[in-house]
């Protein structure tokens, strides 16, 4: 009966609308829930459109629940589980598309790739909407837009466009570059170098025209744009061009709030929302999730929480044993050669009611901010209980992710009051420590070994500070600076690369770093990783041992392009 009444009610509504639609005023009424053309043709309208483009940087907003895991800017699927830092986690039957990513069984029809593609190019379209709207306002209502407003709005839109194309470039290599004046997909008409040049040009233009600081948090400033310009050059191994930009930023770079770049005094503060938008945060994707504001929160990590306790779901993104072993130290320094011969002691074979004593290995303290492991305090939740927080230890090991997980003190303050896995923790797309280590890479290639060592030691000094240790941890922490002069480029390169892994673990960078190092570095790192890991994680026996540098272009995108897009070699 209720269903019939509902049908009658809907019919009455449509009849009423039909009568109303006969009136001219009905046809001329602006649609609800969106801006009219008249509202958009102003500086305020352009800025509203720009804010919408910023909203697409997280990669989440345009997707329904359930698709977010493959799309976020955090890149935990494509940067972490596709590397030696993490397993997919959970159990064998959950999210098979993600298992395919981890095992390098990459097929163009895997919807994970198409979801990320649409996420990126939808954001690019929004940035181009801003640029087209600026052109239209200048033509039709020039008095609405001052020269200063035009300069700033254009620069922000070009940064967003460059940022998203950068994300696409390192995912797929062979990509189209879509501008505000491009109406057809350029496909393969642009060489790889040409696409990079367009990315760098967007960042360069943004850097030249953005203000030093911004009144509103989350908006990009000149220093952040310069940092991404240098990063794009670094990805092309144009070290000589990137180095002076990095050097200038180290000397003069400031955050959007106008604070000079500096490392926070404690490593963990980068992952506590109380210290966000501080001096270490070059560019961050902003999130809010207080009360019922789930839509503004960081939903993309939703699956990647411990399986039990207050969290309940879902057990993905479990740190690898290889990553844990990488934090072992020898005389306070990384053990590049033998780190993976003996595992750091773990509780994989034990249930939580069985006694476990942490090992006596000396480790870098950043381990216990990057990885949740048995008996070590996990934020303010108490000691990690082991198996009670793990979905299937035999499948994906005994460890939990930690950096993006909320603390007990965060509940209902920095979490949504519905699904708590939606948090207000920002994603720091670039931190100052990241910038220092990229500068160190360039210094090595320039032959400035001592300068490179200085930058690496700055990062290590902060990690070694008393404030960076996990309070109450039974772990044995020891970390030292490099004291011996670096005279060999190969040794120096490896030290810098190793430091990036330790400093930025589980932050979505690792796979892309391995690829950009060149000389088959990804292949030579991941093949031996798999040889060891497949004896511990049996499902990795199905992993391919030839590691591509780029993901396959989504089959659906190629079809929809009418054949203009061409598939990457090997797929």
Foldseek 3Di string as FASTA:
>chain_A
DVVVVVVVVVVVVVVVVVVVVVDPVVVVDDDPPDDDPVVLLFLVNLVVLLVVLLVLQQLAQVDDPPLLQLAGPLQLLQQALCAQWWPQWFDDPPPVLSVCSNQVVFDLASVSQVSNVCSLVVSLVSLLVSVVSLVVSCVPPVVRDDPLSSLASNLQSLLSLLVSLVVVCQFFVQAFRDHNPDDATQANVAHSVRSLVSSLVSLVSSLVRFDLADPDPQGAGNLLSLLVSLVSCVLVVVLVVSQVSLVCLQVAHFFNHRHRADDDLALLLLLAQVCPSHNFFNHWSFAAAAEAVLSRFSCNCLQQFFCADPQNHDTTTFTHQLLLLQFFDDQQHGDVPCSPVDTQDAQLVDALVDDDDGDATAGQQLSVQAKQGAQFQQAPPHHDSWPNRHNHCLATHTIGGHRNDDDPVCVNPQAYVPNRSGGRGIQRPGTNLNSLLSSLLSCLVVVNQVSSLVSLQSVQVSSPDPNHHRPPGPYRYGHDGDDDGDDDSVVSNVRSLSSCCSSCRSSSHRLSVQLSVDPCSSLVNVLVSLVVCCVRNVVSVSRDSDNDSHRWNNPVVCVVSVNSHDTDPPD
